[in-house]
């Protein structure tokens, strides 16, 4: 009996050590190809649910600016279109891609449109918004352009709501802190 308890304790410990991260999820790229987030392992990642017809859509300019500023230092932005709020992302993936490219010159990775809340929520956003797993950053997405900052280990570091500009000191200082801690 003692051996069984020890074995159970060891198995439990190894399972607990295998904590889920964003790297455990795969989305589809805006072109429809599987895009495992594990491709960004070791980088600081900003996940943003985006929309083309939102009052916050001009944030694409700031997103592209900080992407250009930090991309050579191990930073990436992942744009994730969603049509959950006011039907502000009604287009096809191809239309979204064309809009982002033509209007905002987006060069950071864009994913295929998903749902970020509700009964059809994509598994990544179920994970990100889970309050039991992310007491500080979890909770339902309130609107477009909610931003999750993820460390090089795939764990969520911070969450910034829609109204917080991507190039605000609050966001850029969190990015810089994450990038500097990744180097040590």
N, C-alpha and C. Protein backbone atom coordinates (compact mmCIF):
# COMPACT_ATOMS: atom_id res chain seq x y z
N UNK A 1 0.83 -1.20 0.00
CA UNK A 1 0.00 0.00 0.00
C UNK A 1 0.87 1.26 0.00
N UNK A 2 1.94 1.21 0.79
CA UNK A 2 2.83 2.38 0.86
C UNK A 2 3.43 2.70 -0.51
N UNK A 3 3.82 1.64 -1.27
CA UNK A 3 4.39 1.83 -2.60
C UNK A 3 3.38 2.48 -3.54
N UNK A 4 2.14 2.09 -3.42
CA UNK A 4 1.09 2.67 -4.27
C UNK A 4 0.92 4.16 -3.96
N UNK A 5 0.92 4.52 -2.69
CA UNK A 5 0.78 5.92 -2.31
C UNK A 5 1.96 6.75 -2.80
N UNK A 6 3.17 6.20 -2.69
CA UNK A 6 4.35 6.91 -3.17
C UNK A 6 4.26 7.09 -4.68
N UNK A 7 3.86 6.03 -5.39
CA UNK A 7 3.71 6.13 -6.84
C UNK A 7 2.66 7.16 -7.22
N UNK A 8 1.54 7.17 -6.51
CA UNK A 8 0.49 8.15 -6.77
C UNK A 8 1.01 9.57 -6.53
N UNK A 9 1.78 9.76 -5.50
CA UNK A 9 2.34 11.07 -5.20
C UNK A 9 3.30 11.50 -6.31
N UNK A 10 4.12 10.58 -6.79
CA UNK A 10 5.05 10.90 -7.87
C UNK A 10 4.32 11.24 -9.16
N UNK A 11 3.31 10.46 -9.51
CA UNK A 11 2.54 10.73 -10.71
C UNK A 11 1.84 12.08 -10.59
N UNK A 12 1.25 12.36 -9.45
CA UNK A 12 0.58 13.64 -9.22
C UNK A 12 1.54 14.80 -9.36
N UNK A 13 2.74 14.64 -8.83
CA UNK A 13 3.75 15.69 -8.92
C UNK A 13 4.14 15.94 -10.37
N UNK A 14 4.34 14.88 -11.15
CA UNK A 14 4.75 15.08 -12.54
C UNK A 14 3.62 15.69 -13.36
N UNK A 15 2.37 15.34 -13.04
CA UNK A 15 1.26 15.95 -13.76
C UNK A 15 1.13 17.42 -13.43
N UNK A 16 1.37 17.77 -12.17
CA UNK A 16 1.28 19.17 -11.78
C UNK A 16 2.39 19.97 -12.43
N UNK A 17 3.54 19.34 -12.66
CA UNK A 17 4.66 20.03 -13.28
C UNK A 17 4.39 20.33 -14.75
N UNK A 18 3.44 19.64 -15.34
CA UNK A 18 3.11 19.83 -16.75
C UNK A 18 1.99 20.86 -16.89
N UNK A 19 2.18 22.00 -16.29
CA UNK A 19 1.18 23.07 -16.33
C UNK A 19 0.99 23.57 -17.76
N UNK A 20 -0.25 23.78 -18.13
CA UNK A 20 -0.58 24.24 -19.47
C UNK A 20 -0.12 25.68 -19.69
N UNK A 21 0.32 25.98 -20.91
CA UNK A 21 0.71 27.34 -21.30
C UNK A 21 0.08 27.63 -22.67
N UNK A 22 0.27 28.84 -23.15
CA UNK A 22 -0.27 29.17 -24.48
C UNK A 22 0.38 28.32 -25.56
N UNK A 23 1.56 27.77 -25.28
CA UNK A 23 2.24 26.93 -26.26
C UNK A 23 1.52 25.62 -26.54
N UNK A 24 0.55 25.28 -25.72
CA UNK A 24 -0.22 24.05 -25.91
C UNK A 24 -1.35 24.22 -26.93
N UNK A 25 -1.48 25.40 -27.51
CA UNK A 25 -2.60 25.69 -28.41
C UNK A 25 -2.12 25.96 -29.83
N UNK A 26 -2.97 25.58 -30.76
CA UNK A 26 -2.73 25.84 -32.18
C UNK A 26 -3.96 26.56 -32.72
N UNK A 27 -3.72 27.63 -33.41
CA UNK A 27 -4.78 28.34 -34.13
C UNK A 27 -4.52 28.09 -35.61
N UNK A 28 -5.36 28.63 -36.46
CA UNK A 28 -5.07 28.64 -37.88
C UNK A 28 -4.60 30.04 -38.25
N UNK A 29 -3.62 30.11 -39.14
CA UNK A 29 -3.18 31.41 -39.63
C UNK A 29 -4.30 32.02 -40.45
N UNK A 30 -4.19 33.29 -40.74
CA UNK A 30 -5.22 33.96 -41.53
C UNK A 30 -5.34 33.33 -42.92
N UNK A 31 -4.30 32.61 -43.34
CA UNK A 31 -4.32 31.91 -44.62
C UNK A 31 -4.81 30.47 -44.50
N UNK A 32 -5.22 30.08 -43.28
CA UNK A 32 -5.81 28.77 -43.08
C UNK A 32 -4.86 27.64 -42.73
N UNK A 33 -3.60 27.95 -42.51
CA UNK A 33 -2.62 26.92 -42.16
C UNK A 33 -2.53 26.78 -40.65
N UNK A 34 -2.30 25.55 -40.13
CA UNK A 34 -2.11 25.39 -38.68
C UNK A 34 -0.95 26.28 -38.21
N UNK A 35 -1.18 26.97 -37.11
CA UNK A 35 -0.17 27.88 -36.56
C UNK A 35 -0.01 27.59 -35.06
N UNK A 36 0.83 26.61 -34.74
CA UNK A 36 1.03 26.30 -33.32
C UNK A 36 1.71 27.47 -32.60
N UNK A 37 1.15 27.85 -31.48
CA UNK A 37 1.75 28.96 -30.71
C UNK A 37 3.09 28.55 -30.13
N UNK A 38 3.38 27.27 -30.10
CA UNK A 38 4.70 26.80 -29.64
C UNK A 38 5.82 27.33 -30.54
N UNK A 39 5.48 27.80 -31.73
CA UNK A 39 6.49 28.41 -32.62
C UNK A 39 7.09 29.67 -31.99
N UNK A 40 6.39 30.24 -30.99
CA UNK A 40 6.86 31.47 -30.34
C UNK A 40 7.54 31.20 -29.01
N UNK A 41 7.79 29.92 -28.71
CA UNK A 41 8.46 29.57 -27.45
C UNK A 41 9.76 30.37 -27.32
N UNK A 42 9.97 30.95 -26.15
CA UNK A 42 11.17 31.74 -25.91
C UNK A 42 11.01 33.22 -26.25
N UNK A 43 9.89 33.59 -26.84
CA UNK A 43 9.63 34.99 -27.18
C UNK A 43 8.61 35.58 -26.21
N UNK A 44 8.58 36.89 -26.15
CA UNK A 44 7.52 37.61 -25.44
C UNK A 44 6.43 37.86 -26.48
N UNK A 45 5.20 37.48 -26.15
CA UNK A 45 4.11 37.52 -27.11
C UNK A 45 2.97 38.40 -26.59
N UNK A 46 2.42 39.21 -27.47
CA UNK A 46 1.21 39.98 -27.15
C UNK A 46 0.09 39.43 -28.01
N UNK A 47 -0.89 38.77 -27.37
CA UNK A 47 -2.06 38.22 -28.05
C UNK A 47 -3.15 39.28 -27.98
N UNK A 48 -3.73 39.62 -29.14
CA UNK A 48 -4.74 40.69 -29.20
C UNK A 48 -5.93 40.23 -30.03
N UNK A 49 -7.13 40.28 -29.43
CA UNK A 49 -8.33 40.01 -30.24
C UNK A 49 -8.69 41.31 -30.97
N UNK A 50 -8.69 41.24 -32.29
CA UNK A 50 -8.82 42.43 -33.12
C UNK A 50 -10.13 42.42 -33.92
N UNK A 51 -10.50 43.59 -34.42
CA UNK A 51 -11.68 43.76 -35.27
C UNK A 51 -11.48 44.95 -36.20
N UNK A 52 -12.01 44.86 -37.40
CA UNK A 52 -11.79 45.87 -38.43
C UNK A 52 -12.72 47.06 -38.37
N UNK A 53 -13.86 46.94 -37.69
CA UNK A 53 -14.85 48.02 -37.68
C UNK A 53 -15.17 48.47 -36.26
N UNK A 54 -14.16 48.63 -35.47
CA UNK A 54 -14.30 48.97 -34.06
C UNK A 54 -13.71 50.36 -33.81
N UNK A 55 -14.18 51.01 -32.80
CA UNK A 55 -13.59 52.30 -32.42
C UNK A 55 -12.12 52.17 -32.03
N UNK A 56 -11.70 50.96 -31.65
CA UNK A 56 -10.31 50.73 -31.26
C UNK A 56 -9.45 50.24 -32.44
N UNK A 57 -10.04 50.07 -33.61
CA UNK A 57 -9.30 49.57 -34.77
C UNK A 57 -8.04 50.38 -35.07
N UNK A 58 -8.03 51.71 -34.88
CA UNK A 58 -6.79 52.46 -35.11
C UNK A 58 -5.61 51.99 -34.25
N UNK A 59 -5.87 51.16 -33.24
CA UNK A 59 -4.76 50.61 -32.44
C UNK A 59 -3.84 49.74 -33.29
N UNK A 60 -4.29 49.32 -34.47
CA UNK A 60 -3.40 48.59 -35.37
C UNK A 60 -2.12 49.38 -35.63
N UNK A 61 -2.23 50.70 -35.73
CA UNK A 61 -1.05 51.53 -35.98
C UNK A 61 -0.05 51.40 -34.84
N UNK A 62 -0.51 51.50 -33.60
CA UNK A 62 0.37 51.37 -32.44
C UNK A 62 0.89 49.94 -32.31
N UNK A 63 0.04 48.96 -32.61
CA UNK A 63 0.50 47.56 -32.55
C UNK A 63 1.64 47.34 -33.53
N UNK A 64 1.48 47.81 -34.75
CA UNK A 64 2.54 47.64 -35.75
C UNK A 64 3.80 48.39 -35.32
N UNK A 65 3.64 49.55 -34.72
CA UNK A 65 4.78 50.35 -34.25
C UNK A 65 5.59 49.61 -33.17
N UNK A 66 4.90 49.05 -32.18
CA UNK A 66 5.65 48.36 -31.12
C UNK A 66 6.20 47.03 -31.63
N UNK A 67 5.50 46.42 -32.58
CA UNK A 67 6.04 45.20 -33.19
C UNK A 67 7.37 45.52 -33.88
N UNK A 68 7.38 46.57 -34.68
CA UNK A 68 8.61 46.97 -35.38
C UNK A 68 9.73 47.32 -34.39
N UNK A 69 9.35 47.97 -33.30
CA UNK A 69 10.34 48.41 -32.31
C UNK A 69 11.00 47.24 -31.58
N UNK A 70 10.22 46.21 -31.25
CA UNK A 70 10.73 45.13 -30.39
C UNK A 70 10.92 43.79 -31.07
N UNK A 71 10.51 43.63 -32.32
CA UNK A 71 10.54 42.30 -32.94
C UNK A 71 11.94 41.70 -33.02
N UNK A 72 12.96 42.52 -33.16
CA UNK A 72 14.33 42.01 -33.24
C UNK A 72 14.91 41.70 -31.86
N UNK A 73 14.10 41.91 -30.82
CA UNK A 73 14.55 41.65 -29.45
C UNK A 73 13.81 40.45 -28.83
N UNK A 74 13.09 39.69 -29.67
CA UNK A 74 12.39 38.52 -29.16
C UNK A 74 10.92 38.76 -28.83
N UNK A 75 10.29 39.69 -29.52
CA UNK A 75 8.89 40.04 -29.27
C UNK A 75 8.06 39.79 -30.52
N UNK A 76 6.84 39.32 -30.31
CA UNK A 76 5.93 39.12 -31.43
C UNK A 76 4.51 39.47 -30.99
N UNK A 77 3.74 40.01 -31.91
CA UNK A 77 2.32 40.26 -31.70
C UNK A 77 1.57 39.24 -32.53
N UNK A 78 0.50 38.70 -31.96
CA UNK A 78 -0.36 37.80 -32.70
C UNK A 78 -1.76 38.41 -32.70
N UNK A 79 -2.22 38.82 -33.87
CA UNK A 79 -3.56 39.37 -34.03
C UNK A 79 -4.56 38.25 -34.23
N UNK A 80 -5.64 38.27 -33.45
CA UNK A 80 -6.64 37.21 -33.49
C UNK A 80 -8.01 37.84 -33.73
N UNK A 81 -8.46 37.88 -34.99
CA UNK A 81 -9.76 38.49 -35.29
C UNK A 81 -10.91 37.74 -34.62
N UNK A 82 -11.88 38.50 -34.15
CA UNK A 82 -13.08 37.92 -33.53
C UNK A 82 -14.27 38.82 -33.86
N UNK A 83 -15.41 38.21 -34.02
CA UNK A 83 -16.62 38.94 -34.38
C UNK A 83 -17.63 38.93 -33.23
N UNK A 84 -17.16 38.86 -31.99
CA UNK A 84 -18.03 38.71 -30.83
C UNK A 84 -18.67 40.00 -30.34
N UNK A 85 -18.19 41.13 -30.75
CA UNK A 85 -18.65 42.39 -30.18
C UNK A 85 -19.21 43.30 -31.26
N UNK A 86 -20.52 43.46 -31.28
CA UNK A 86 -21.17 44.35 -32.23
C UNK A 86 -20.96 43.98 -33.68
N UNK A 87 -20.66 42.72 -33.95
CA UNK A 87 -20.41 42.27 -35.33
C UNK A 87 -19.41 43.17 -36.04
N UNK A 88 -18.33 43.52 -35.32
CA UNK A 88 -17.35 44.47 -35.85
C UNK A 88 -16.21 43.82 -36.64
N UNK A 89 -16.31 42.50 -36.82
CA UNK A 89 -15.36 41.79 -37.68
C UNK A 89 -16.13 40.81 -38.56
N UNK A 90 -16.98 41.36 -39.46
CA UNK A 90 -17.87 40.51 -40.24
C UNK A 90 -17.23 39.84 -41.46
N UNK A 91 -16.08 40.31 -41.90
CA UNK A 91 -15.49 39.84 -43.15
C UNK A 91 -14.88 38.45 -43.06
N UNK A 92 -14.52 37.95 -44.24
CA UNK A 92 -13.81 36.67 -44.33
C UNK A 92 -12.36 36.89 -43.90
N UNK A 93 -11.64 35.80 -43.69
CA UNK A 93 -10.22 35.92 -43.34
C UNK A 93 -9.45 36.66 -44.42
N UNK A 94 -9.77 36.41 -45.67
CA UNK A 94 -9.09 37.10 -46.77
C UNK A 94 -9.38 38.60 -46.74
N UNK A 95 -10.62 38.97 -46.46
CA UNK A 95 -10.99 40.39 -46.37
C UNK A 95 -10.27 41.06 -45.19
N UNK A 96 -10.18 40.36 -44.08
CA UNK A 96 -9.48 40.89 -42.90
C UNK A 96 -8.01 41.11 -43.24
N UNK A 97 -7.40 40.13 -43.87
CA UNK A 97 -5.99 40.23 -44.25
C UNK A 97 -5.75 41.42 -45.17
N UNK A 98 -6.61 41.58 -46.17
CA UNK A 98 -6.47 42.70 -47.11
C UNK A 98 -6.63 44.03 -46.39
N UNK A 99 -7.61 44.14 -45.51
CA UNK A 99 -7.86 45.36 -44.76
C UNK A 99 -6.63 45.73 -43.91
N UNK A 100 -6.13 44.76 -43.16
CA UNK A 100 -4.99 45.02 -42.26
C UNK A 100 -3.74 45.42 -43.03
N UNK A 101 -3.54 44.78 -44.15
CA UNK A 101 -2.37 45.06 -44.97
C UNK A 101 -2.47 46.42 -45.65
N UNK A 102 -3.61 46.68 -46.28
CA UNK A 102 -3.77 47.91 -47.05
C UNK A 102 -3.92 49.15 -46.17
N UNK A 103 -4.73 49.06 -45.13
CA UNK A 103 -5.03 50.24 -44.32
C UNK A 103 -3.98 50.50 -43.22
N UNK A 104 -3.47 49.42 -42.60
CA UNK A 104 -2.58 49.60 -41.45
C UNK A 104 -1.18 49.01 -41.65
N UNK A 105 -0.91 48.44 -42.80
CA UNK A 105 0.41 47.88 -43.14
C UNK A 105 0.88 46.88 -42.08
N UNK A 106 -0.03 46.05 -41.62
CA UNK A 106 0.27 45.06 -40.58
C UNK A 106 1.23 44.01 -41.13
N UNK A 107 2.31 43.78 -40.39
CA UNK A 107 3.28 42.73 -40.76
C UNK A 107 3.39 41.66 -39.69
N UNK A 108 2.80 41.89 -38.53
CA UNK A 108 2.85 40.86 -37.48
C UNK A 108 1.88 39.73 -37.83
N UNK A 109 2.09 38.53 -37.27
CA UNK A 109 1.23 37.39 -37.60
C UNK A 109 -0.24 37.63 -37.26
N UNK A 110 -1.09 37.27 -38.21
CA UNK A 110 -2.53 37.33 -38.02
C UNK A 110 -3.09 35.93 -38.13
N UNK A 111 -4.04 35.63 -37.27
CA UNK A 111 -4.67 34.32 -37.26
C UNK A 111 -6.04 34.40 -37.93
N UNK A 112 -6.62 33.23 -38.16
CA UNK A 112 -7.98 33.15 -38.70
C UNK A 112 -8.95 33.59 -37.62
N UNK A 113 -10.10 34.05 -38.04
CA UNK A 113 -11.13 34.55 -37.12
C UNK A 113 -11.61 33.41 -36.21
N UNK A 114 -11.76 33.74 -34.93
CA UNK A 114 -12.24 32.79 -33.91
C UNK A 114 -13.29 33.48 -33.05
N UNK A 115 -13.82 32.75 -32.11
CA UNK A 115 -14.70 33.32 -31.09
C UNK A 115 -13.93 33.41 -29.79
N UNK A 116 -13.99 34.56 -29.12
CA UNK A 116 -13.25 34.76 -27.88
C UNK A 116 -14.14 34.74 -26.64
N UNK A 117 -15.43 34.46 -26.84
CA UNK A 117 -16.34 34.32 -25.70
C UNK A 117 -17.59 33.58 -26.17
N UNK A 118 -18.38 33.13 -25.22
CA UNK A 118 -19.62 32.44 -25.55
C UNK A 118 -19.46 30.94 -25.67
N UNK A 119 -20.51 30.29 -26.12
CA UNK A 119 -20.52 28.83 -26.18
C UNK A 119 -19.54 28.26 -27.20
N UNK A 120 -19.15 29.06 -28.19
CA UNK A 120 -18.22 28.59 -29.21
C UNK A 120 -16.81 29.17 -29.04
N UNK A 121 -16.48 29.58 -27.81
CA UNK A 121 -15.16 30.15 -27.51
C UNK A 121 -14.06 29.17 -27.94
N UNK A 122 -13.03 29.70 -28.56
CA UNK A 122 -11.91 28.87 -28.97
C UNK A 122 -11.14 28.41 -27.73
N UNK A 123 -10.54 27.22 -27.74
CA UNK A 123 -9.84 26.71 -26.56
C UNK A 123 -8.78 27.66 -26.00
N UNK A 124 -8.05 28.37 -26.86
CA UNK A 124 -7.05 29.32 -26.36
C UNK A 124 -7.69 30.36 -25.45
N UNK A 125 -8.80 30.93 -25.88
CA UNK A 125 -9.45 31.97 -25.07
C UNK A 125 -10.17 31.38 -23.86
N UNK A 126 -10.61 30.14 -23.94
CA UNK A 126 -11.15 29.49 -22.74
C UNK A 126 -10.04 29.42 -21.69
N UNK A 127 -8.84 29.06 -22.13
CA UNK A 127 -7.67 28.98 -21.26
C UNK A 127 -7.30 30.37 -20.71
N UNK A 128 -7.20 31.36 -21.58
CA UNK A 128 -6.78 32.70 -21.16
C UNK A 128 -7.74 33.35 -20.17
N UNK A 129 -9.03 33.09 -20.35
CA UNK A 129 -10.04 33.76 -19.53
C UNK A 129 -10.43 32.96 -18.29
N UNK A 130 -9.87 31.79 -18.11
CA UNK A 130 -10.19 30.95 -16.96
C UNK A 130 -9.65 31.59 -15.67
N UNK A 131 -10.55 32.05 -14.82
CA UNK A 131 -10.17 32.72 -13.57
C UNK A 131 -9.48 31.75 -12.60
N UNK A 132 -9.82 30.47 -12.63
CA UNK A 132 -9.20 29.54 -11.70
C UNK A 132 -7.73 29.32 -12.05
N UNK A 133 -7.40 29.38 -13.33
CA UNK A 133 -6.01 29.21 -13.75
C UNK A 133 -5.23 30.51 -13.84
N UNK A 134 -5.95 31.61 -13.97
CA UNK A 134 -5.33 32.93 -14.12
C UNK A 134 -6.09 33.94 -13.27
N UNK A 135 -5.86 33.90 -11.99
CA UNK A 135 -6.63 34.75 -11.07
C UNK A 135 -6.41 36.24 -11.33
N UNK A 136 -5.24 36.63 -11.78
CA UNK A 136 -4.94 38.04 -12.02
C UNK A 136 -5.36 38.52 -13.40
N UNK A 137 -5.34 37.63 -14.39
CA UNK A 137 -5.59 38.06 -15.77
C UNK A 137 -6.80 37.41 -16.42
N UNK A 138 -7.42 36.46 -15.76
CA UNK A 138 -8.57 35.77 -16.32
C UNK A 138 -9.81 36.64 -16.30
N UNK A 139 -10.91 36.08 -16.73
CA UNK A 139 -12.17 36.79 -16.80
C UNK A 139 -12.57 37.00 -18.24
N UNK A 140 -13.86 37.08 -18.45
CA UNK A 140 -14.42 37.20 -19.79
C UNK A 140 -13.85 38.42 -20.53
N UNK A 141 -13.67 38.25 -21.83
CA UNK A 141 -13.23 39.35 -22.69
C UNK A 141 -14.38 40.35 -22.78
N UNK A 142 -14.09 41.63 -22.54
CA UNK A 142 -15.12 42.65 -22.54
C UNK A 142 -15.36 43.31 -23.89
N UNK A 143 -14.32 43.34 -24.74
CA UNK A 143 -14.46 44.01 -26.03
C UNK A 143 -13.26 43.68 -26.90
N UNK A 144 -13.28 44.19 -28.11
CA UNK A 144 -12.16 44.02 -29.04
C UNK A 144 -10.91 44.71 -28.49
N UNK A 145 -9.76 44.22 -28.92
CA UNK A 145 -8.45 44.79 -28.60
C UNK A 145 -8.06 44.61 -27.12
N UNK A 146 -8.51 43.53 -26.52
CA UNK A 146 -8.00 43.12 -25.22
C UNK A 146 -6.66 42.45 -25.49
N UNK A 147 -5.66 42.78 -24.67
CA UNK A 147 -4.30 42.33 -24.92
C UNK A 147 -3.79 41.46 -23.76
N UNK A 148 -3.20 40.30 -24.11
CA UNK A 148 -2.57 39.42 -23.12
C UNK A 148 -1.08 39.39 -23.41
N UNK A 149 -0.28 39.74 -22.42
CA UNK A 149 1.17 39.68 -22.56
C UNK A 149 1.63 38.34 -22.00
N UNK A 150 2.37 37.60 -22.81
CA UNK A 150 2.81 36.26 -22.47
C UNK A 150 4.33 36.24 -22.43
N UNK A 151 4.87 35.64 -21.37
CA UNK A 151 6.32 35.55 -21.22
C UNK A 151 6.91 34.45 -22.08
N UNK A 152 8.24 34.40 -22.15
CA UNK A 152 8.93 33.41 -22.97
C UNK A 152 8.60 31.96 -22.59
N UNK A 153 8.12 31.77 -21.36
CA UNK A 153 7.75 30.44 -20.88
C UNK A 153 6.32 30.06 -21.25
N UNK A 154 5.60 30.97 -21.93
CA UNK A 154 4.24 30.68 -22.35
C UNK A 154 3.18 31.01 -21.33
N UNK A 155 3.58 31.59 -20.20
CA UNK A 155 2.63 31.95 -19.15
C UNK A 155 2.21 33.42 -19.28
N UNK A 156 0.95 33.67 -18.99
CA UNK A 156 0.40 35.03 -19.08
C UNK A 156 1.00 35.89 -17.97
N UNK A 157 1.54 37.03 -18.36
CA UNK A 157 2.17 37.98 -17.44
C UNK A 157 1.19 39.09 -17.05
N UNK A 158 0.47 39.60 -18.06
CA UNK A 158 -0.39 40.76 -17.82
C UNK A 158 -1.53 40.77 -18.84
N UNK A 159 -2.56 41.51 -18.47
CA UNK A 159 -3.70 41.72 -19.37
C UNK A 159 -4.00 43.21 -19.41
N UNK A 160 -4.25 43.71 -20.61
CA UNK A 160 -4.57 45.12 -20.80
C UNK A 160 -5.89 45.21 -21.54
N UNK A 161 -6.82 45.97 -21.00
CA UNK A 161 -8.12 46.10 -21.62
C UNK A 161 -8.05 46.98 -22.87
N UNK A 162 -9.14 46.99 -23.59
CA UNK A 162 -9.24 47.64 -24.90
C UNK A 162 -8.77 49.07 -24.93
N UNK A 163 -9.16 49.86 -23.94
CA UNK A 163 -8.86 51.29 -23.95
C UNK A 163 -7.38 51.60 -23.73
N UNK A 164 -6.61 50.64 -23.26
CA UNK A 164 -5.18 50.86 -23.03
C UNK A 164 -4.46 50.71 -24.36
N UNK A 165 -3.87 51.80 -24.81
CA UNK A 165 -3.17 51.82 -26.10
C UNK A 165 -1.95 50.89 -26.05
N UNK A 166 -1.70 50.16 -27.12
CA UNK A 166 -0.56 49.24 -27.15
C UNK A 166 0.79 49.92 -26.94
N UNK A 167 0.91 51.19 -27.33
CA UNK A 167 2.19 51.89 -27.17
C UNK A 167 2.21 52.78 -25.93
N UNK A 168 1.27 52.55 -25.01
CA UNK A 168 1.26 53.31 -23.75
C UNK A 168 2.44 52.88 -22.90
N UNK A 169 2.89 53.76 -22.00
CA UNK A 169 3.99 53.39 -21.10
C UNK A 169 3.67 52.13 -20.28
N UNK A 170 2.42 51.95 -19.93
CA UNK A 170 2.02 50.78 -19.16
C UNK A 170 2.33 49.48 -19.92
N UNK A 171 2.00 49.45 -21.20
CA UNK A 171 2.23 48.24 -22.00
C UNK A 171 3.70 48.11 -22.37
N UNK A 172 4.30 49.20 -22.85
CA UNK A 172 5.70 49.08 -23.30
C UNK A 172 6.65 48.78 -22.15
N UNK A 173 6.38 49.30 -20.96
CA UNK A 173 7.25 48.96 -19.84
C UNK A 173 7.10 47.49 -19.45
N UNK A 174 5.90 46.94 -19.56
CA UNK A 174 5.70 45.51 -19.28
C UNK A 174 6.41 44.66 -20.32
N UNK A 175 6.37 45.09 -21.59
CA UNK A 175 7.07 44.37 -22.65
C UNK A 175 8.57 44.41 -22.39
N UNK A 176 9.10 45.60 -22.10
CA UNK A 176 10.54 45.74 -21.86
C UNK A 176 11.00 44.93 -20.66
N UNK A 177 10.20 44.91 -19.61
CA UNK A 177 10.53 44.12 -18.42
C UNK A 177 10.57 42.64 -18.78
N UNK A 178 9.57 42.17 -19.53
CA UNK A 178 9.53 40.76 -19.93
C UNK A 178 10.71 40.41 -20.84
N UNK A 179 11.06 41.32 -21.75
CA UNK A 179 12.19 41.06 -22.63
C UNK A 179 13.51 41.02 -21.86
N UNK A 180 13.66 41.91 -20.89
CA UNK A 180 14.92 41.92 -20.11
C UNK A 180 15.01 40.70 -19.20
N UNK A 181 13.90 40.24 -18.65
CA UNK A 181 13.95 39.05 -17.80
C UNK A 181 14.18 37.80 -18.64
N UNK A 182 13.81 37.83 -19.91
CA UNK A 182 14.03 36.70 -20.80
C UNK A 182 15.51 36.52 -21.11
N UNK A 183 16.27 37.61 -21.04
CA UNK A 183 17.70 37.56 -21.35
C UNK A 183 18.52 37.02 -20.19
N UNK A 184 17.95 37.09 -18.98
CA UNK A 184 18.72 36.65 -17.81
C UNK A 184 18.47 35.22 -17.46
